[in-house]
């Protein structure tokens, strides 16, 4: 046997041997750990071998074999020892101040900003005299470790009157849950609203279709051709949409949509009651609309009764027609290239007809029980 007798004999347990064999043959494990496992396995399988023979078998240096034989004998571990690294350049107080800034609004510090960025926090630390120099990336690393992103924001609001909100939202959610059964009973539930100021923008050059590795190309220059107002209703039971474009958004335009589109559609379906779900928009203000509905004669609209369910204020997320408006925006109105208002109107009405060919009711998962649980109402 070449070389002196090894000073650190190693005998592995069955469990340790199995663990090391899996590690040594693993293709995804770190190669440093796999090498150490092979060294210890060679020492275990061939206790008579010298360090030189083991180093030759596993392809490493003799010093590496000696190191990990000694480390395993002393600590029963093949993990790296903790590395102290370079000394700290910034004190814990500086990092704490950066975190405190991120958790405050810039205006509270007298800074005319809407929200913090890493660069602005670094400048503030310099202005406070806490550091002579600090990189933006250092601030970003600190905030990342704390899970802070002060440059991001989202809108939120509290319910000022939960009971009033629940009183209006509960009937609407119940209509959503029972829309199909109500339609079989002659009650048609429809969400109605308007999408205002739909621009017709004529691009100087028509959009170019996508190609391999290229998206659709759109000219940035355009000429405004005017705007349309879309009045639309969504049938909750089956997802069908009725729409009408108008040049203005007035109460008389909303009346026209009801009398020319929605009411005839209800009579054609043979329903007895039209249940309208509306928000508090100016074109159909509650007081004015209710007065107008009371003035309508039964003879003019046949046996059709109209019931109005008002959504809570600031609760557009409860209106299913808003979901369809977002579909219209994504699928037709972006990118915006319409040479005239007539073309825009034709395309909107064609999109509605295309949508109705495969219309499906919106899968509404938010229930009355969830809302009551959120508000703490039994």
Protein backbone atom coordinates (compact mmCIF):
# COMPACT_ATOMS: atom_id res chain seq x y z
CA UNK A 1 0.00 0.00 0.00
CA UNK A 2 1.47 3.31 -1.11
CA UNK A 3 1.65 6.06 1.51
CA UNK A 4 1.13 6.04 5.26
CA UNK A 5 -1.79 4.37 6.87
CA UNK A 6 -4.85 6.70 7.03
CA UNK A 7 -5.35 8.41 10.39
CA UNK A 8 -9.15 8.66 10.18
CA UNK A 9 -10.82 5.30 9.54
CA UNK A 10 -14.50 5.59 8.66
CA UNK A 11 -17.30 3.03 9.02
CA UNK A 12 -20.69 4.22 7.72
CA UNK A 13 -24.04 3.02 9.00
CA UNK A 14 -26.44 1.39 6.58
CA UNK A 15 -28.58 4.55 6.46
CA UNK A 16 -25.54 6.81 5.89
CA UNK A 17 -24.26 4.53 3.16
CA UNK A 18 -27.60 4.54 1.34
CA UNK A 19 -27.83 8.33 1.59
CA UNK A 20 -24.33 8.82 0.20
CA UNK A 21 -24.88 6.36 -2.66
CA UNK A 22 -28.01 8.25 -3.72
CA UNK A 23 -26.12 11.53 -3.53
CA UNK A 24 -23.11 10.20 -5.44
CA UNK A 25 -25.28 8.95 -8.32
CA UNK A 26 -27.61 11.95 -8.43
CA UNK A 27 -27.48 14.10 -11.57
CA UNK A 28 -29.23 17.07 -9.97
CA UNK A 29 -27.26 17.30 -6.73
CA UNK A 30 -24.42 19.80 -6.29
CA UNK A 31 -21.19 18.26 -7.58
CA UNK A 32 -19.26 19.28 -4.46
CA UNK A 33 -21.56 17.21 -2.28
CA UNK A 34 -21.46 14.29 -4.72
CA UNK A 35 -17.64 14.30 -4.65
CA UNK A 36 -17.57 14.23 -0.84
CA UNK A 37 -20.04 11.35 -0.83
CA UNK A 38 -17.84 9.37 -3.23
CA UNK A 39 -14.78 10.00 -1.04
CA UNK A 40 -16.50 8.69 2.08
CA UNK A 41 -17.93 5.70 0.22
CA UNK A 42 -14.46 4.81 -1.06
CA UNK A 43 -13.05 5.06 2.46
CA UNK A 44 -15.90 2.87 3.74
CA UNK A 45 -15.63 0.27 0.95
CA UNK A 46 -11.81 0.12 0.97
CA UNK A 47 -10.51 0.77 4.48
CA UNK A 48 -7.07 -0.51 3.47
CA UNK A 49 -6.62 2.15 0.76
CA UNK A 50 -4.41 5.13 1.36
CA UNK A 51 -5.52 8.70 0.76
CA UNK A 52 -3.52 8.72 -2.45
CA UNK A 53 -5.34 5.67 -3.81
CA UNK A 54 -8.75 7.15 -2.91
CA UNK A 55 -7.81 10.48 -4.52
CA UNK A 56 -6.86 8.62 -7.70
CA UNK A 57 -10.11 6.64 -7.70
CA UNK A 58 -12.44 9.59 -7.23
CA UNK A 59 -10.30 12.08 -9.20
CA UNK A 60 -9.42 14.71 -6.64
CA UNK A 61 -6.42 15.85 -4.60
CA UNK A 62 -4.99 13.97 -1.62
CA UNK A 63 -5.59 17.04 0.55
CA UNK A 64 -9.30 16.94 -0.31
CA UNK A 65 -9.55 13.29 0.77
CA UNK A 66 -7.75 14.04 4.03
CA UNK A 67 -9.93 17.09 4.71
CA UNK A 68 -13.26 15.29 4.37
CA UNK A 69 -12.11 12.19 6.26
CA UNK A 70 -11.15 14.45 9.13
CA UNK A 71 -14.36 16.56 8.84
CA UNK A 72 -16.63 13.50 8.87
CA UNK A 73 -14.80 11.98 11.83
CA UNK A 74 -15.10 15.21 13.80
CA UNK A 75 -18.53 16.57 12.79
CA UNK A 76 -20.37 13.80 10.90
CA UNK A 77 -21.14 16.33 8.17
CA UNK A 78 -20.15 17.02 4.57
CA UNK A 79 -21.65 20.54 4.56
CA UNK A 80 -19.51 23.63 4.13
CA UNK A 81 -18.57 25.51 7.26
CA UNK A 82 -20.17 28.94 7.76
CA UNK A 83 -18.25 31.63 5.96
CA UNK A 84 -18.01 34.99 7.72
CA UNK A 85 -17.68 36.98 4.51
CA UNK A 86 -16.62 40.59 4.28
CA UNK A 87 -17.25 42.89 7.26
CA UNK A 88 -20.46 44.89 7.30
CA UNK A 89 -20.26 48.21 5.47
CA UNK A 90 -23.50 49.53 6.95
CA UNK A 91 -24.69 49.39 10.53
CA UNK A 92 -28.00 47.77 11.52
CA UNK A 93 -29.30 51.28 12.26
CA UNK A 94 -28.90 52.28 8.61
CA UNK A 95 -30.79 49.22 7.44
CA UNK A 96 -33.51 49.84 10.01
CA UNK A 97 -33.85 53.43 8.77
CA UNK A 98 -34.18 52.22 5.17
CA UNK A 99 -36.95 49.85 6.25
CA UNK A 100 -38.68 52.63 8.18
CA UNK A 101 -38.61 54.88 5.11
CA UNK A 102 -40.08 52.13 2.96
CA UNK A 103 -42.90 51.72 5.48
CA UNK A 104 -43.75 55.43 5.39
CA UNK A 105 -45.15 57.74 2.73
CA UNK A 106 -42.68 60.15 1.09
CA UNK A 107 -44.89 63.13 1.99
CA UNK A 108 -44.47 62.25 5.66
CA UNK A 109 -40.75 62.90 5.17
CA UNK A 110 -41.35 66.14 3.29
CA UNK A 111 -40.50 64.54 -0.07
CA UNK A 112 -42.82 65.48 -2.99
CA UNK A 113 -43.23 61.95 -4.30
CA UNK A 114 -46.17 59.60 -4.66
CA UNK A 115 -44.24 56.50 -3.64
CA UNK A 116 -40.71 55.41 -2.83
CA UNK A 117 -38.19 53.81 -5.17
CA UNK A 118 -34.89 52.25 -4.16
CA UNK A 119 -33.01 55.20 -5.64
CA UNK A 120 -35.11 57.71 -3.70
CA UNK A 121 -34.61 55.82 -0.42
CA UNK A 122 -30.86 55.76 -1.06
CA UNK A 123 -30.90 59.53 -1.68
CA UNK A 124 -32.86 60.08 1.51
CA UNK A 125 -30.31 58.09 3.54
CA UNK A 126 -27.58 60.28 2.07
CA UNK A 127 -29.56 63.44 2.85
CA UNK A 128 -30.03 62.34 6.46
CA UNK A 129 -26.26 61.95 6.79
CA UNK A 130 -26.49 58.28 7.76
CA UNK A 131 -24.18 57.08 4.97
CA UNK A 132 -21.56 58.59 2.68
CA UNK A 133 -22.45 56.31 -0.20
CA UNK A 134 -24.93 53.51 -0.76
CA UNK A 135 -25.98 51.68 -3.93
CA UNK A 136 -29.58 51.37 -5.04
CA UNK A 137 -29.06 47.61 -5.29
CA UNK A 138 -28.17 47.47 -1.59
CA UNK A 139 -31.47 49.09 -0.67
CA UNK A 140 -33.29 46.74 -3.04
CA UNK A 141 -31.63 43.69 -1.41
CA UNK A 142 -32.62 44.86 2.07
CA UNK A 143 -36.22 45.50 1.07
CA UNK A 144 -36.44 42.18 -0.77
CA UNK A 145 -35.36 40.35 2.35
CA UNK A 146 -38.05 42.21 4.30
CA UNK A 147 -40.70 41.53 1.64
CA UNK A 148 -41.25 45.26 1.04
CA UNK A 149 -42.14 46.82 -2.33
CA UNK A 150 -43.04 50.47 -1.66
CA UNK A 151 -42.98 51.28 -5.39
CA UNK A 152 -46.09 49.13 -5.90
CA UNK A 153 -49.63 50.13 -4.97
CA UNK A 154 -53.23 49.00 -5.34
CA UNK A 155 -56.55 50.66 -4.66
CA UNK A 156 -58.68 49.64 -1.68
CA UNK A 157 -61.61 50.97 0.27
CA UNK A 158 -63.51 50.25 3.47
CA UNK A 159 -67.26 49.88 3.72
CA UNK A 160 -68.60 52.96 5.46
CA UNK A 161 -72.01 51.35 6.05
CA UNK A 162 -71.82 47.52 5.89
CA UNK A 163 -75.53 47.07 6.61
CA UNK A 164 -76.57 49.39 3.77
CA UNK A 165 -74.11 47.66 1.43
CA UNK A 166 -75.46 44.24 2.39
CA UNK A 167 -79.07 45.37 1.93
CA UNK A 168 -78.38 46.22 -1.73
CA UNK A 169 -75.83 43.52 -2.53
CA UNK A 170 -77.74 40.56 -1.09
CA UNK A 171 -80.69 40.72 -3.60
CA UNK A 172 -78.25 41.07 -6.51
CA UNK A 173 -76.20 38.03 -5.45
CA UNK A 174 -79.40 36.04 -4.98
CA UNK A 175 -80.49 36.97 -8.50
CA UNK A 176 -77.14 35.80 -9.86
CA UNK A 177 -77.49 32.45 -8.08
CA UNK A 178 -81.09 31.89 -9.24
CA UNK A 179 -80.98 33.48 -12.71
CA UNK A 180 -81.56 30.26 -14.69
CA UNK A 181 -84.43 29.10 -12.53
CA UNK A 182 -85.98 32.58 -12.59
CA UNK A 183 -85.82 32.62 -16.39
CA UNK A 184 -87.82 29.38 -16.51
CA UNK A 185 -90.36 31.10 -14.26
CA UNK A 186 -90.61 34.10 -16.57
CA UNK A 187 -88.22 36.50 -14.79
CA UNK A 188 -85.34 37.70 -16.98
CA UNK A 189 -82.33 39.08 -15.03
CA UNK A 190 -80.25 41.56 -17.04
CA UNK A 191 -77.24 43.68 -15.98
CA UNK A 192 -77.35 47.01 -17.80
CA UNK A 193 -74.76 49.77 -18.04
CA UNK A 194 -72.94 51.93 -20.58
CA UNK A 195 -69.34 52.00 -21.78
CA UNK A 196 -68.66 55.62 -22.48
CA UNK A 197 -66.31 57.52 -24.79
CA UNK A 198 -65.18 54.64 -27.00
CA UNK A 199 -62.65 56.36 -29.26
CA UNK A 200 -62.36 55.78 -33.00
CA UNK A 201 -58.72 56.32 -33.90
CA UNK A 202 -57.64 56.08 -37.53
CA UNK A 203 -53.98 55.07 -37.64
CA UNK A 204 -51.81 56.62 -40.33
CA UNK A 205 -50.89 53.08 -41.36
CA UNK A 206 -53.07 50.02 -40.98
CA UNK A 207 -51.87 47.45 -38.39
CA UNK A 208 -49.55 44.76 -39.74
CA UNK A 209 -50.29 41.14 -38.89
CA UNK A 210 -47.98 39.16 -36.64
CA UNK A 211 -45.13 37.19 -38.13
CA UNK A 212 -42.54 34.68 -36.91
CA UNK A 213 -40.97 36.25 -33.85
CA UNK A 214 -42.90 39.49 -34.39
CA UNK A 215 -46.09 40.81 -32.73
CA UNK A 216 -48.77 42.84 -34.45
CA UNK A 217 -47.28 46.18 -35.48
CA UNK A 218 -49.30 49.35 -34.83
CA UNK A 219 -48.59 52.88 -36.00
CA UNK A 220 -48.26 55.30 -33.06
CA UNK A 221 -49.75 58.23 -35.00
CA UNK A 222 -53.50 58.48 -35.44
CA UNK A 223 -56.37 60.87 -36.13
CA UNK A 224 -59.35 61.07 -33.80
CA UNK A 225 -62.63 60.33 -35.52
CA UNK A 226 -64.89 60.94 -32.52
CA UNK A 227 -66.35 58.72 -29.81
CA UNK A 228 -69.40 56.51 -29.26
CA UNK A 229 -71.34 55.51 -26.18
CA UNK A 230 -72.29 51.85 -25.91
CA UNK A 231 -75.41 50.92 -23.95
CA UNK A 232 -75.46 47.18 -23.26
CA UNK A 233 -77.29 44.54 -21.27
CA UNK A 234 -76.02 41.11 -20.23
CA UNK A 235 -78.44 38.26 -19.68
CA UNK A 236 -77.22 36.63 -16.47
CA UNK A 237 -78.88 33.28 -17.19
CA UNK A 238 -77.27 32.58 -20.57
CA UNK A 239 -74.59 35.25 -21.17
CA UNK A 240 -76.30 36.81 -24.22
CA UNK A 241 -75.55 40.50 -24.78
CA UNK A 242 -77.78 43.22 -26.27
CA UNK A 243 -76.21 46.51 -27.28
CA UNK A 244 -76.86 49.85 -28.95
CA UNK A 245 -74.41 52.62 -29.86
CA UNK A 246 -75.32 56.27 -29.46
CA UNK A 247 -73.49 59.53 -29.96
CA UNK A 248 -74.34 60.90 -26.50
CA UNK A 249 -74.90 59.56 -22.98
CA UNK A 250 -78.09 61.11 -21.67
CA UNK A 251 -81.15 59.80 -19.90
CA UNK A 252 -83.06 59.94 -23.18
CA UNK A 253 -80.39 57.72 -24.77
CA UNK A 254 -80.79 55.21 -21.96
CA UNK A 255 -84.55 55.34 -22.48
CA UNK A 256 -84.03 54.63 -26.14
CA UNK A 257 -81.93 51.56 -25.38
CA UNK A 258 -84.60 50.20 -23.04
CA UNK A 259 -87.55 50.82 -25.38
CA UNK A 260 -85.82 49.96 -28.67
CA UNK A 261 -83.61 47.02 -27.66
CA UNK A 262 -84.12 45.57 -24.22
CA UNK A 263 -87.91 45.63 -23.83
CA UNK A 264 -88.56 44.17 -27.32
CA UNK A 265 -86.01 41.43 -26.56
CA UNK A 266 -87.86 40.65 -23.32
CA UNK A 267 -91.22 40.47 -25.12
CA UNK A 268 -89.68 38.24 -27.78
CA UNK A 269 -88.46 35.88 -25.07
CA UNK A 270 -91.98 35.79 -23.65
CA UNK A 271 -90.95 36.70 -20.10
CA UNK A 272 -93.32 38.38 -17.68
CA UNK A 273 -90.80 40.34 -15.62
CA UNK A 274 -87.63 42.16 -16.64
CA UNK A 275 -85.27 42.45 -13.63
CA UNK A 276 -82.72 45.19 -14.29
CA UNK A 277 -79.49 45.38 -12.26
CA UNK A 278 -78.16 48.93 -12.41
CA UNK A 279 -75.54 51.10 -10.77
CA UNK A 280 -76.05 54.74 -9.81
CA UNK A 281 -74.80 56.25 -13.08
CA UNK A 282 -76.00 59.69 -14.15
CA UNK A 283 -77.72 58.38 -17.28
CA UNK A 284 -80.11 56.29 -15.20
CA UNK A 285 -80.27 58.04 -11.84
CA UNK A 286 -82.61 56.16 -9.48
CA UNK A 287 -85.16 58.91 -8.92
CA UNK A 288 -85.50 59.88 -12.57
CA UNK A 289 -85.63 56.31 -13.87
CA UNK A 290 -88.22 55.19 -11.34
CA UNK A 291 -90.46 58.14 -12.24
CA UNK A 292 -90.18 57.32 -15.93
CA UNK A 293 -90.97 53.64 -15.37
CA UNK A 294 -94.09 54.57 -13.41
CA UNK A 295 -95.29 56.70 -16.32
CA UNK A 296 -95.06 53.89 -18.85
CA UNK A 297 -98.41 52.43 -19.80
CA UNK A 298 -99.02 48.68 -19.64
CA UNK A 299 -100.59 48.73 -23.10
CA UNK A 300 -97.42 50.04 -24.69
CA UNK A 301 -95.21 47.21 -23.44
CA UNK A 302 -97.78 44.49 -23.03
CA UNK A 303 -97.78 42.38 -19.86
CA UNK A 304 -94.10 43.13 -19.16
CA UNK A 305 -93.27 44.27 -15.63
CA UNK A 306 -89.96 45.94 -14.88
CA UNK A 307 -88.16 45.60 -11.55
CA UNK A 308 -84.99 47.54 -10.79
CA UNK A 309 -82.29 46.31 -8.40
CA UNK A 310 -79.72 48.95 -7.50
CA UNK A 311 -76.13 47.98 -6.85
CA UNK A 312 -74.35 49.49 -3.84
CA UNK A 313 -72.32 52.59 -4.57
CA UNK A 314 -68.69 52.00 -5.53
CA UNK A 315 -69.36 48.31 -6.22
CA UNK A 316 -68.79 47.93 -9.94
CA UNK A 317 -67.14 44.56 -9.24
CA UNK A 318 -70.66 43.24 -8.53
CA UNK A 319 -71.89 44.19 -12.02
CA UNK A 320 -71.49 41.33 -14.50
CA UNK A 321 -71.76 43.64 -17.52
CA UNK A 322 -68.44 45.17 -16.43
CA UNK A 323 -66.85 41.76 -16.94
CA UNK A 324 -68.14 41.69 -20.51
CA UNK A 325 -66.95 45.27 -21.11
CA UNK A 326 -63.42 44.13 -20.23
CA UNK A 327 -63.76 41.30 -22.77
CA UNK A 328 -64.87 43.81 -25.42
CA UNK A 329 -61.92 46.05 -24.58
CA UNK A 330 -59.35 43.27 -24.84
CA UNK A 331 -60.71 41.48 -27.89
CA UNK A 332 -61.91 44.34 -30.12
CA UNK A 333 -60.94 47.79 -28.91
CA UNK A 334 -57.24 47.06 -28.38
CA UNK A 335 -55.43 47.92 -30.54
CA UNK A 336 -57.73 50.77 -31.57
CA UNK A 337 -57.86 51.27 -35.36
CA UNK A 338 -61.19 52.42 -36.79
CA UNK A 339 -61.36 54.78 -39.76
CA UNK A 340 -64.76 56.22 -38.80
CA UNK A 341 -67.49 56.16 -36.20
CA UNK A 342 -69.61 54.09 -38.57
CA UNK A 343 -66.91 51.44 -38.79
CA UNK A 344 -66.53 51.44 -35.00
CA UNK A 345 -70.28 50.96 -34.49
CA UNK A 346 -70.44 48.20 -37.09
CA UNK A 347 -67.53 46.36 -35.51
CA UNK A 348 -69.02 46.62 -32.00
CA UNK A 349 -72.39 45.27 -33.14
CA UNK A 350 -70.65 42.54 -35.14
CA UNK A 351 -68.61 41.60 -32.07
CA UNK A 352 -71.81 41.34 -30.01
CA UNK A 353 -73.36 39.03 -32.63
CA UNK A 354 -70.16 36.97 -32.74
CA UNK A 355 -70.10 36.73 -28.95
CA UNK A 356 -73.72 35.60 -28.76
CA UNK A 357 -73.03 32.64 -31.06
CA UNK A 358 -71.06 30.96 -28.28
CA UNK A 359 -72.32 32.93 -25.26
CA UNK A 360 -72.02 31.28 -21.87
CA UNK A 361 -73.18 32.60 -18.49
CA UNK A 362 -70.44 34.06 -16.32
CA UNK A 363 -69.34 31.62 -13.64
CA UNK A 364 -70.07 33.79 -10.61
CA UNK A 365 -68.50 32.24 -7.54
CA UNK A 366 -69.04 35.00 -4.96
CA UNK A 367 -72.11 34.12 -2.90
CA UNK A 368 -74.35 35.81 -0.36
CA UNK A 369 -72.96 33.54 2.36
CA UNK A 370 -69.40 34.69 1.61
CA UNK A 371 -70.43 38.33 1.76
CA UNK A 372 -72.28 37.84 5.07
CA UNK A 373 -69.30 35.99 6.52
CA UNK A 374 -66.97 38.81 5.42
CA UNK A 375 -69.20 41.43 7.05
CA UNK A 376 -69.75 39.27 10.15
CA UNK A 377 -73.50 38.99 9.64
CA UNK A 378 -75.35 35.81 10.58
